[in-house]
């Protein structure tokens, strides 16, 4: 079932960002909204806000596998390699727990590149 806010996210650019902020005001605990906002801030090179939203996401839902991958990529962009390694390692564990072999392999490959 597609929720109304998911339909609205098919819009692009600033309108999508504004819609996400509106959804966030209504529900600050929705993991998808936290993830989507983190990605939006990352795309806008607002790394501090992206990090804030990734932190919120993984505290709220430690099993959100994609969050680890993207958060680790952010840490790489910020030259925080040790933090990226830790996030990849935690993400691999979350992927194994959920049975997400593709994400597990992808994060293993990124981690190997950093070692």
C-alpha atoms as a PDB file:
ATOM      1  CA  UNK A   1       0.000   0.000   0.000  1.00  0.00           C
ATOM      2  CA  UNK A   2       1.447   3.371  -1.005  1.00  0.00           C
ATOM      3  CA  UNK A   3       0.877   6.105   1.542  1.00  0.00           C
ATOM      4  CA  UNK A   4      -0.116   9.595   0.444  1.00  0.00           C
ATOM      5  CA  UNK A   5       3.295  11.024   1.388  1.00  0.00           C
ATOM      6  CA  UNK A   6       5.014   8.361  -0.716  1.00  0.00           C
ATOM      7  CA  UNK A   7       2.984   9.432  -3.769  1.00  0.00           C
ATOM      8  CA  UNK A   8       3.933  13.050  -3.183  1.00  0.00           C
ATOM      9  CA  UNK A   9       7.646  12.199  -3.144  1.00  0.00           C
ATOM     10  CA  UNK A  10       7.553  11.558  -6.874  1.00  0.00           C
ATOM     11  CA  UNK A  11       7.930  15.333  -7.225  1.00  0.00           C
ATOM     12  CA  UNK A  12      11.444  16.645  -7.664  1.00  0.00           C
ATOM     13  CA  UNK A  13      13.894  19.192  -6.364  1.00  0.00           C
ATOM     14  CA  UNK A  14      13.008  21.727  -3.727  1.00  0.00           C
ATOM     15  CA  UNK A  15       9.344  20.744  -3.811  1.00  0.00           C
ATOM     16  CA  UNK A  16      10.287  17.217  -2.756  1.00  0.00           C
ATOM     17  CA  UNK A  17      12.526  18.575   0.006  1.00  0.00           C
ATOM     18  CA  UNK A  18       9.773  20.866   1.272  1.00  0.00           C
ATOM     19  CA  UNK A  19       7.275  17.996   1.184  1.00  0.00           C
ATOM     20  CA  UNK A  20       9.654  15.844   3.228  1.00  0.00           C
ATOM     21  CA  UNK A  21      10.034  18.602   5.790  1.00  0.00           C
ATOM     22  CA  UNK A  22       6.250  18.833   6.039  1.00  0.00           C
ATOM     23  CA  UNK A  23       5.973  15.078   6.552  1.00  0.00           C
ATOM     24  CA  UNK A  24       8.750  15.236   9.142  1.00  0.00           C
ATOM     25  CA  UNK A  25       6.846  17.896  11.092  1.00  0.00           C
ATOM     26  CA  UNK A  26       3.888  15.503  11.243  1.00  0.00           C
ATOM     27  CA  UNK A  27       5.895  12.379  12.129  1.00  0.00           C
ATOM     28  CA  UNK A  28       9.461  12.763  13.347  1.00  0.00           C
ATOM     29  CA  UNK A  29       9.834   9.025  13.952  1.00  0.00           C
ATOM     30  CA  UNK A  30       9.157   7.625  10.474  1.00  0.00           C
ATOM     31  CA  UNK A  31      12.389   5.876   9.393  1.00  0.00           C
ATOM     32  CA  UNK A  32      11.772   6.466   5.689  1.00  0.00           C
ATOM     33  CA  UNK A  33      11.319  10.197   6.197  1.00  0.00           C
ATOM     34  CA  UNK A  34      14.486  10.373   8.319  1.00  0.00           C
ATOM     35  CA  UNK A  35      16.400   8.466   5.627  1.00  0.00           C
ATOM     36  CA  UNK A  36      15.010  10.560   2.778  1.00  0.00           C
ATOM     37  CA  UNK A  37      15.846  13.816   4.554  1.00  0.00           C
ATOM     38  CA  UNK A  38      19.377  12.603   5.281  1.00  0.00           C
ATOM     39  CA  UNK A  39      19.828  11.860   1.578  1.00  0.00           C
ATOM     40  CA  UNK A  40      18.387  15.249   0.599  1.00  0.00           C
ATOM     41  CA  UNK A  41      20.754  17.079   2.943  1.00  0.00           C
ATOM     42  CA  UNK A  42      23.643  14.980   1.651  1.00  0.00           C
ATOM     43  CA  UNK A  43      22.754  15.915  -1.937  1.00  0.00           C
ATOM     44  CA  UNK A  44      22.710  19.574  -0.910  1.00  0.00           C
ATOM     45  CA  UNK A  45      26.196  19.160   0.629  1.00  0.00           C
ATOM     46  CA  UNK A  46      24.770  19.990   4.047  1.00  0.00           C
ATOM     47  CA  UNK A  47      26.761  17.216   5.661  1.00  0.00           C
ATOM     48  CA  UNK A  48      26.078  18.295   9.237  1.00  0.00           C
ATOM     49  CA  UNK A  49      22.312  18.014   8.796  1.00  0.00           C
ATOM     50  CA  UNK A  50      22.698  14.769   6.846  1.00  0.00           C
ATOM     51  CA  UNK A  51      24.722  13.301   9.704  1.00  0.00           C
ATOM     52  CA  UNK A  52      22.103  14.457  12.206  1.00  0.00           C
ATOM     53  CA  UNK A  53      19.326  12.686  10.304  1.00  0.00           C
ATOM     54  CA  UNK A  54      21.343   9.505   9.764  1.00  0.00           C
ATOM     55  CA  UNK A  55      22.021   9.420  13.515  1.00  0.00           C
ATOM     56  CA  UNK A  56      18.322   9.836  14.274  1.00  0.00           C
ATOM     57  CA  UNK A  57      17.452   7.129  11.772  1.00  0.00           C
ATOM     58  CA  UNK A  58      19.833   4.514  13.141  1.00  0.00           C
ATOM     59  CA  UNK A  59      18.859   5.258  16.740  1.00  0.00           C
ATOM     60  CA  UNK A  60      15.202   4.867  15.810  1.00  0.00           C
ATOM     61  CA  UNK A  61      15.681   1.827  13.555  1.00  0.00           C
ATOM     62  CA  UNK A  62      19.053   0.055  13.942  1.00  0.00           C
ATOM     63  CA  UNK A  63      17.969  -2.462  11.314  1.00  0.00           C
ATOM     64  CA  UNK A  64      17.618   0.120   8.510  1.00  0.00           C
ATOM     65  CA  UNK A  65      20.371  -1.378   6.355  1.00  0.00           C
ATOM     66  CA  UNK A  66      20.471   1.310   3.652  1.00  0.00           C
ATOM     67  CA  UNK A  67      21.040   3.898   6.365  1.00  0.00           C
ATOM     68  CA  UNK A  68      24.402   2.372   7.267  1.00  0.00           C
ATOM     69  CA  UNK A  69      25.548   2.293   3.663  1.00  0.00           C
ATOM     70  CA  UNK A  70      24.659   5.896   2.915  1.00  0.00           C
ATOM     71  CA  UNK A  71      25.854   7.178   6.291  1.00  0.00           C
ATOM     72  CA  UNK A  72      29.209   5.464   5.726  1.00  0.00           C
ATOM     73  CA  UNK A  73      29.435   7.033   2.259  1.00  0.00           C
ATOM     74  CA  UNK A  74      28.812  10.410   3.903  1.00  0.00           C
ATOM     75  CA  UNK A  75      31.606   9.762   6.398  1.00  0.00           C
ATOM     76  CA  UNK A  76      33.925   8.977   3.494  1.00  0.00           C
ATOM     77  CA  UNK A  77      33.027  12.295   1.849  1.00  0.00           C
ATOM     78  CA  UNK A  78      33.840  14.009   5.132  1.00  0.00           C
ATOM     79  CA  UNK A  79      37.195  12.158   5.337  1.00  0.00           C
ATOM     80  CA  UNK A  80      36.079  10.377   8.508  1.00  0.00           C
ATOM     81  CA  UNK A  81      37.401   7.023   7.415  1.00  0.00           C
ATOM     82  CA  UNK A  82      37.384   5.292  10.802  1.00  0.00           C
ATOM     83  CA  UNK A  83      33.725   6.247  11.294  1.00  0.00           C
ATOM     84  CA  UNK A  84      32.934   4.983   7.793  1.00  0.00           C
ATOM     85  CA  UNK A  85      34.602   1.646   8.564  1.00  0.00           C
ATOM     86  CA  UNK A  86      32.604   1.292  11.763  1.00  0.00           C
ATOM     87  CA  UNK A  87      29.349   2.077   9.953  1.00  0.00           C
ATOM     88  CA  UNK A  88      30.106  -0.422   7.196  1.00  0.00           C
ATOM     89  CA  UNK A  89      30.856  -3.059   9.836  1.00  0.00           C
ATOM     90  CA  UNK A  90      27.619  -2.350  11.695  1.00  0.00           C
ATOM     91  CA  UNK A  91      25.753  -2.274   8.392  1.00  0.00           C
ATOM     92  CA  UNK A  92      27.136  -5.644   7.382  1.00  0.00           C
ATOM     93  CA  UNK A  93      25.832  -7.048  10.663  1.00  0.00           C
ATOM     94  CA  UNK A  94      22.407  -5.506  10.085  1.00  0.00           C
ATOM     95  CA  UNK A  95      22.343  -6.846   6.508  1.00  0.00           C
ATOM     96  CA  UNK A  96      23.263 -10.338   7.698  1.00  0.00           C
ATOM     97  CA  UNK A  97      20.557 -10.211  10.344  1.00  0.00           C
ATOM     98  CA  UNK A  98      17.932  -9.188   7.779  1.00  0.00           C
ATOM     99  CA  UNK A  99      19.203 -11.563   5.075  1.00  0.00           C
ATOM    100  CA  UNK A 100      20.072  -8.747   2.655  1.00  0.00           C
ATOM    101  CA  UNK A 101      22.973 -10.413   0.833  1.00  0.00           C
ATOM    102  CA  UNK A 102      23.273  -7.685  -1.803  1.00  0.00           C
ATOM    103  CA  UNK A 103      23.723  -4.896   0.754  1.00  0.00           C
ATOM    104  CA  UNK A 104      26.052  -7.096   2.786  1.00  0.00           C
ATOM    105  CA  UNK A 105      28.309  -7.699  -0.231  1.00  0.00           C
ATOM    106  CA  UNK A 106      28.219  -4.059  -1.283  1.00  0.00           C
ATOM    107  CA  UNK A 107      29.282  -2.861   2.164  1.00  0.00           C
ATOM    108  CA  UNK A 108      31.968  -5.548   2.393  1.00  0.00           C
ATOM    109  CA  UNK A 109      33.391  -4.292  -0.906  1.00  0.00           C
ATOM    110  CA  UNK A 110      33.386  -0.655   0.263  1.00  0.00           C
ATOM    111  CA  UNK A 111      34.984  -1.684   3.559  1.00  0.00           C
ATOM    112  CA  UNK A 112      37.678  -3.649   1.731  1.00  0.00           C
ATOM    113  CA  UNK A 113      38.489  -0.540  -0.330  1.00  0.00           C
ATOM    114  CA  UNK A 114      39.099   1.409   2.888  1.00  0.00           C
ATOM    115  CA  UNK A 115      41.395  -1.211   4.428  1.00  0.00           C
END
